[in-house]
Amino acid sequence: MFSETIELRGHIIDSLILPKVLDEILEGGGNFKIAQVKIGQQRADQSIARIEVSAESGGALDDLILRLRQHGAEVAEKGDAQLAAAPADGIFPNDFYVTTNRQTFVRIGGKELEVRAPMLDSAIMIDRGKERARTVRFADVRKGMEIVVGHQGVRVVPAQRATSGT
C-alpha cells in the first residue's frame, strides 16, 4: 500500500470540499484516514484537515492525488515543483502537470510563484530568469522550455462558497 498525507484549507465544510474529497478518494479506489481536523469557529474562520490517502500502487496514488488537487488538496510535505525540458516543439515532457482554470501557484526554489493566465488542459512553463510561471498550450511549447511535471510543489486554490455575515 502506498500513502501520502494531503491537507485541505479554507471553507472546506460549508463549501462541501471535505466530503467531495473523501468521495473522490473512495471512487478512485483509495482509502483514507483523517489524521486531523480543525473546524473554524466563526463564519470567516477557515478549517484545516489532514488526511492520509492510500492506494494499491504508486501510480494509482499519483492519479488520486491529481484528482484531489482539483479540489484544492495539497500534499502536506512541501517541496519544489519538478521540472523537465520540453523534448521538441509542440511536445510536453512525460507526466507534465495538466492545468485547471483555477488560480494556481507553483513552488520553485522555495518560493511560490502565481501561475499567470490559468487555463484548462495546458502545462505550466517556468521562466527562472524572470521568476515567472505561466500556462502554455501544446502549440506554443518550444524545445527546451522548463515544464512542471508531477504534482509536487503545485497548489490549486479551490472554489469557495461565499461567506456572508447574514
C-alpha atoms as a PDB file:
ATOM      1  CA  MET A   1       0.000   0.000   0.000  1.00  0.00           C
ATOM      2  CA  PHE A   2       1.300   3.467  -0.946  1.00  0.00           C
ATOM      3  CA  SER A   3       0.251   6.553   1.003  1.00  0.00           C
ATOM      4  CA  GLU A   4       0.589  10.323   1.087  1.00  0.00           C
ATOM      5  CA  THR A   5      -0.758  12.908   3.523  1.00  0.00           C
ATOM      6  CA  ILE A   6      -2.784  15.714   1.994  1.00  0.00           C
ATOM      7  CA  GLU A   7      -4.002  18.947   3.519  1.00  0.00           C
ATOM      8  CA  LEU A   8      -7.181  20.913   2.851  1.00  0.00           C
ATOM      9  CA  ARG A   9      -7.544  24.544   3.968  1.00  0.00           C
ATOM     10  CA  GLY A  10     -10.360  27.017   3.661  1.00  0.00           C
ATOM     11  CA  HIS A  11     -14.122  26.771   3.981  1.00  0.00           C
ATOM     12  CA  ILE A  12     -13.971  23.012   3.453  1.00  0.00           C
ATOM     13  CA  ILE A  13     -17.155  22.236   5.383  1.00  0.00           C
ATOM     14  CA  ASP A  14     -19.672  24.800   4.088  1.00  0.00           C
ATOM     15  CA  SER A  15     -18.265  24.572   0.539  1.00  0.00           C
ATOM     16  CA  LEU A  16     -18.618  20.773   0.740  1.00  0.00           C
ATOM     17  CA  ILE A  17     -14.967  20.365  -0.259  1.00  0.00           C
ATOM     18  CA  LEU A  18     -14.198  17.831   2.503  1.00  0.00           C
ATOM     19  CA  PRO A  19     -16.981  15.381   1.563  1.00  0.00           C
ATOM     20  CA  LYS A  20     -16.155  15.798  -2.152  1.00  0.00           C
ATOM     21  CA  VAL A  21     -12.521  14.880  -1.450  1.00  0.00           C
ATOM     22  CA  LEU A  22     -13.486  11.848   0.642  1.00  0.00           C
ATOM     23  CA  ASP A  23     -15.894  10.669  -2.084  1.00  0.00           C
ATOM     24  CA  GLU A  24     -13.204  11.186  -4.729  1.00  0.00           C
ATOM     25  CA  ILE A  25     -10.774   9.011  -2.739  1.00  0.00           C
ATOM     26  CA  LEU A  26     -13.274   6.161  -2.406  1.00  0.00           C
ATOM     27  CA  GLU A  27     -14.491   6.418  -6.015  1.00  0.00           C
ATOM     28  CA  GLY A  28     -10.856   6.327  -7.158  1.00  0.00           C
ATOM     29  CA  GLY A  29     -10.278   3.025  -5.357  1.00  0.00           C
ATOM     30  CA  GLY A  30      -8.301   4.524  -2.492  1.00  0.00           C
ATOM     31  CA  ASN A  31      -8.661   4.592   1.260  1.00  0.00           C
ATOM     32  CA  PHE A  32      -8.324   7.418   3.742  1.00  0.00           C
ATOM     33  CA  LYS A  33      -7.670   8.088   7.388  1.00  0.00           C
ATOM     34  CA  ILE A  34      -8.455  11.530   8.781  1.00  0.00           C
ATOM     35  CA  ALA A  35      -5.379  12.458  10.792  1.00  0.00           C
ATOM     36  CA  GLN A  36      -6.508  15.911  11.955  1.00  0.00           C
ATOM     37  CA  VAL A  37      -9.437  18.269  11.526  1.00  0.00           C
ATOM     38  CA  LYS A  38      -9.682  21.797  12.898  1.00  0.00           C
ATOM     39  CA  ILE A  39     -13.044  23.425  12.217  1.00  0.00           C
ATOM     40  CA  GLY A  40     -13.258  27.225  12.102  1.00  0.00           C
ATOM     41  CA  GLN A  41     -15.454  28.577  14.908  1.00  0.00           C
ATOM     42  CA  GLN A  42     -16.697  31.733  13.186  1.00  0.00           C
ATOM     43  CA  ARG A  43     -18.105  32.129   9.676  1.00  0.00           C
ATOM     44  CA  ALA A  44     -14.934  33.873   8.481  1.00  0.00           C
ATOM     45  CA  ASP A  45     -12.599  31.258  10.049  1.00  0.00           C
ATOM     46  CA  GLN A  46     -11.001  28.683   7.800  1.00  0.00           C
ATOM     47  CA  SER A  47     -10.891  24.982   8.575  1.00  0.00           C
ATOM     48  CA  ILE A  48      -7.955  22.609   8.124  1.00  0.00           C
ATOM     49  CA  ALA A  49      -7.964  18.858   7.519  1.00  0.00           C
ATOM     50  CA  ARG A  50      -5.005  16.486   7.173  1.00  0.00           C
ATOM     51  CA  ILE A  51      -5.910  13.205   5.508  1.00  0.00           C
ATOM     52  CA  GLU A  52      -3.737  10.164   4.876  1.00  0.00           C
ATOM     53  CA  VAL A  53      -4.622   8.830   1.426  1.00  0.00           C
ATOM     54  CA  SER A  54      -3.581   5.325   0.399  1.00  0.00           C
ATOM     55  CA  ALA A  55      -3.798   3.257  -2.783  1.00  0.00           C
ATOM     56  CA  GLU A  56      -2.602  -0.134  -4.030  1.00  0.00           C
ATOM     57  CA  SER A  57       0.161   1.267  -6.260  1.00  0.00           C
ATOM     58  CA  GLY A  58       2.270   4.384  -6.645  1.00  0.00           C
ATOM     59  CA  GLY A  59       0.615   5.124  -9.980  1.00  0.00           C
ATOM     60  CA  ALA A  60      -2.876   4.782  -8.512  1.00  0.00           C
ATOM     61  CA  LEU A  61      -1.882   7.099  -5.654  1.00  0.00           C
ATOM     62  CA  ASP A  62      -0.487   9.674  -8.097  1.00  0.00           C
ATOM     63  CA  ASP A  63      -3.746   9.545 -10.073  1.00  0.00           C
ATOM     64  CA  LEU A  64      -5.759  10.046  -6.880  1.00  0.00           C
ATOM     65  CA  ILE A  65      -3.610  12.979  -5.730  1.00  0.00           C
ATOM     66  CA  LEU A  66      -4.015  14.584  -9.150  1.00  0.00           C
ATOM     67  CA  ARG A  67      -7.809  14.294  -8.849  1.00  0.00           C
ATOM     68  CA  LEU A  68      -7.775  15.654  -5.281  1.00  0.00           C
ATOM     69  CA  ARG A  69      -5.744  18.691  -6.311  1.00  0.00           C
ATOM     70  CA  GLN A  70      -8.737  19.806  -8.386  1.00  0.00           C
ATOM     71  CA  HIS A  71     -10.479  20.341  -5.032  1.00  0.00           C
ATOM     72  CA  GLY A  72      -7.565  22.296  -3.554  1.00  0.00           C
ATOM     73  CA  ALA A  73      -5.808  19.442  -1.754  1.00  0.00           C
ATOM     74  CA  GLU A  74      -2.086  19.900  -1.224  1.00  0.00           C
ATOM     75  CA  VAL A  75       0.494  17.279  -0.387  1.00  0.00           C
ATOM     76  CA  ALA A  76       1.454  18.036   3.222  1.00  0.00           C
ATOM     77  CA  GLU A  77       5.200  17.780   2.573  1.00  0.00           C
ATOM     78  CA  LYS A  78       6.009  20.950   0.696  1.00  0.00           C
ATOM     79  CA  GLY A  79       8.756  20.665  -1.852  1.00  0.00           C
ATOM     80  CA  ASP A  80       9.680  22.422  -5.049  1.00  0.00           C
ATOM     81  CA  ALA A  81       7.924  21.528  -8.271  1.00  0.00           C
ATOM     82  CA  GLN A  82       9.749  19.081 -10.501  1.00  0.00           C
ATOM     83  CA  LEU A  83      10.729  20.373 -13.934  1.00  0.00           C
ATOM     84  CA  ALA A  84      11.596  18.726 -17.236  1.00  0.00           C
ATOM     85  CA  ALA A  85      12.624  20.218 -20.550  1.00  0.00           C
ATOM     86  CA  ALA A  86      10.183  20.022 -23.457  1.00  0.00           C
ATOM     87  CA  PRO A  87      11.758  17.425 -25.788  1.00  0.00           C
ATOM     88  CA  ALA A  88      10.650  19.165 -29.013  1.00  0.00           C
ATOM     89  CA  ASP A  89       8.428  21.952 -30.292  1.00  0.00           C
ATOM     90  CA  GLY A  90       4.775  21.103 -29.649  1.00  0.00           C
ATOM     91  CA  ILE A  91       5.572  18.244 -27.246  1.00  0.00           C
ATOM     92  CA  PHE A  92       5.258  18.305 -23.457  1.00  0.00           C
ATOM     93  CA  PRO A  93       7.527  16.088 -21.329  1.00  0.00           C
ATOM     94  CA  ASN A  94       6.082  12.863 -19.901  1.00  0.00           C
ATOM     95  CA  ASP A  95       3.952  13.322 -16.765  1.00  0.00           C
ATOM     96  CA  PHE A  96       3.524  17.075 -17.312  1.00  0.00           C
ATOM     97  CA  TYR A  97       1.131  18.728 -14.858  1.00  0.00           C
ATOM     98  CA  VAL A  98      -2.238  19.340 -16.554  1.00  0.00           C
ATOM     99  CA  THR A  99      -3.641  22.720 -15.507  1.00  0.00           C
ATOM    100  CA  THR A 100      -7.101  23.835 -14.424  1.00  0.00           C
ATOM    101  CA  ASN A 101      -8.687  27.246 -14.888  1.00  0.00           C
ATOM    102  CA  ARG A 102      -8.375  27.969 -11.156  1.00  0.00           C
ATOM    103  CA  GLN A 103      -5.802  30.202  -9.519  1.00  0.00           C
ATOM    104  CA  THR A 104      -2.621  28.126  -9.241  1.00  0.00           C
ATOM    105  CA  PHE A 105       0.745  28.548  -7.543  1.00  0.00           C
ATOM    106  CA  VAL A 106       3.974  26.651  -8.155  1.00  0.00           C
ATOM    107  CA  ARG A 107       6.907  26.373  -5.736  1.00  0.00           C
ATOM    108  CA  ILE A 108      10.319  26.986  -7.326  1.00  0.00           C
ATOM    109  CA  GLY A 109      13.495  27.486  -5.286  1.00  0.00           C
ATOM    110  CA  GLY A 110      11.441  27.594  -2.075  1.00  0.00           C
ATOM    111  CA  LYS A 111       9.336  30.483  -3.404  1.00  0.00           C
ATOM    112  CA  GLU A 112       5.700  30.307  -4.535  1.00  0.00           C
ATOM    113  CA  LEU A 113       5.005  31.834  -7.937  1.00  0.00           C
ATOM    114  CA  GLU A 114       1.475  32.532  -9.129  1.00  0.00           C
ATOM    115  CA  VAL A 115       0.791  30.921 -12.499  1.00  0.00           C
ATOM    116  CA  ARG A 116      -0.213  33.606 -14.984  1.00  0.00           C
ATOM    117  CA  ALA A 117      -3.288  33.165 -17.192  1.00  0.00           C
ATOM    118  CA  PRO A 118      -4.576  29.865 -15.773  1.00  0.00           C
ATOM    119  CA  MET A 119      -6.479  27.809 -18.365  1.00  0.00           C
ATOM    120  CA  LEU A 120      -7.700  24.253 -18.734  1.00  0.00           C
ATOM    121  CA  ASP A 121      -5.645  21.448 -20.243  1.00  0.00           C
ATOM    122  CA  SER A 122      -2.325  23.220 -20.610  1.00  0.00           C
ATOM    123  CA  ALA A 123       1.067  22.924 -18.921  1.00  0.00           C
ATOM    124  CA  ILE A 124       2.986  25.254 -16.612  1.00  0.00           C
ATOM    125  CA  MET A 125       6.142  26.791 -18.063  1.00  0.00           C
ATOM    126  CA  ILE A 126       8.780  28.242 -15.745  1.00  0.00           C
ATOM    127  CA  ASP A 127      10.964  31.198 -16.713  1.00  0.00           C
ATOM    128  CA  ARG A 128      13.623  31.148 -13.981  1.00  0.00           C
ATOM    129  CA  GLY A 129      15.311  34.322 -15.218  1.00  0.00           C
ATOM    130  CA  LYS A 130      12.153  36.353 -14.707  1.00  0.00           C
ATOM    131  CA  GLU A 131      10.911  34.239 -11.770  1.00  0.00           C
ATOM    132  CA  ARG A 132       7.660  33.712 -13.640  1.00  0.00           C
ATOM    133  CA  ALA A 133       5.248  30.843 -14.181  1.00  0.00           C
ATOM    134  CA  ARG A 134       2.599  30.792 -16.894  1.00  0.00           C
ATOM    135  CA  THR A 135       0.422  28.326 -18.728  1.00  0.00           C
ATOM    136  CA  VAL A 136       1.452  27.168 -22.176  1.00  0.00           C
ATOM    137  CA  ARG A 137      -0.568  25.220 -24.777  1.00  0.00           C
ATOM    138  CA  PHE A 138       0.745  22.352 -26.906  1.00  0.00           C
ATOM    139  CA  ALA A 139       1.027  24.572 -29.976  1.00  0.00           C
ATOM    140  CA  ASP A 140       3.124  27.142 -28.096  1.00  0.00           C
ATOM    141  CA  VAL A 141       5.623  24.904 -26.292  1.00  0.00           C
ATOM    142  CA  ARG A 142       9.176  25.055 -27.627  1.00  0.00           C
ATOM    143  CA  LYS A 143      12.023  22.591 -27.251  1.00  0.00           C
ATOM    144  CA  GLY A 144      13.943  23.180 -24.021  1.00  0.00           C
ATOM    145  CA  MET A 145      11.191  25.094 -22.162  1.00  0.00           C
ATOM    146  CA  GLU A 146      11.094  24.106 -18.492  1.00  0.00           C
ATOM    147  CA  ILE A 147       7.736  22.446 -17.828  1.00  0.00           C
ATOM    148  CA  VAL A 148       6.298  21.346 -14.464  1.00  0.00           C
ATOM    149  CA  VAL A 149       5.946  17.554 -14.193  1.00  0.00           C
ATOM    150  CA  GLY A 150       4.106  15.636 -11.477  1.00  0.00           C
ATOM    151  CA  HIS A 151       2.067  17.315  -8.766  1.00  0.00           C
ATOM    152  CA  GLN A 152       4.681  18.152  -6.147  1.00  0.00           C
ATOM    153  CA  GLY A 153       5.042  21.868  -5.486  1.00  0.00           C
ATOM    154  CA  VAL A 154       1.779  22.806  -7.234  1.00  0.00           C
ATOM    155  CA  ARG A 155      -1.089  24.381  -5.302  1.00  0.00           C
ATOM    156  CA  VAL A 156      -4.562  24.971  -6.761  1.00  0.00           C
ATOM    157  CA  VAL A 157      -6.918  27.372  -4.967  1.00  0.00           C
ATOM    158  CA  PRO A 158     -10.315  25.663  -4.653  1.00  0.00           C
ATOM    159  CA  ALA A 159     -13.609  27.359  -5.424  1.00  0.00           C
ATOM    160  CA  GLN A 160     -15.072  28.552  -2.128  1.00  0.00           C
ATOM    161  CA  ARG A 161     -18.640  29.274  -1.221  1.00  0.00           C
ATOM    162  CA  ALA A 162     -19.201  32.934  -0.351  1.00  0.00           C
ATOM    163  CA  THR A 163     -19.413  33.552   3.392  1.00  0.00           C
ATOM    164  CA  SER A 164     -21.726  36.456   4.033  1.00  0.00           C
ATOM    165  CA  GLY A 165     -22.494  37.629   7.523  1.00  0.00           C
ATOM    166  CA  THR A 166     -26.226  37.001   7.127  1.00  0.00           C
END
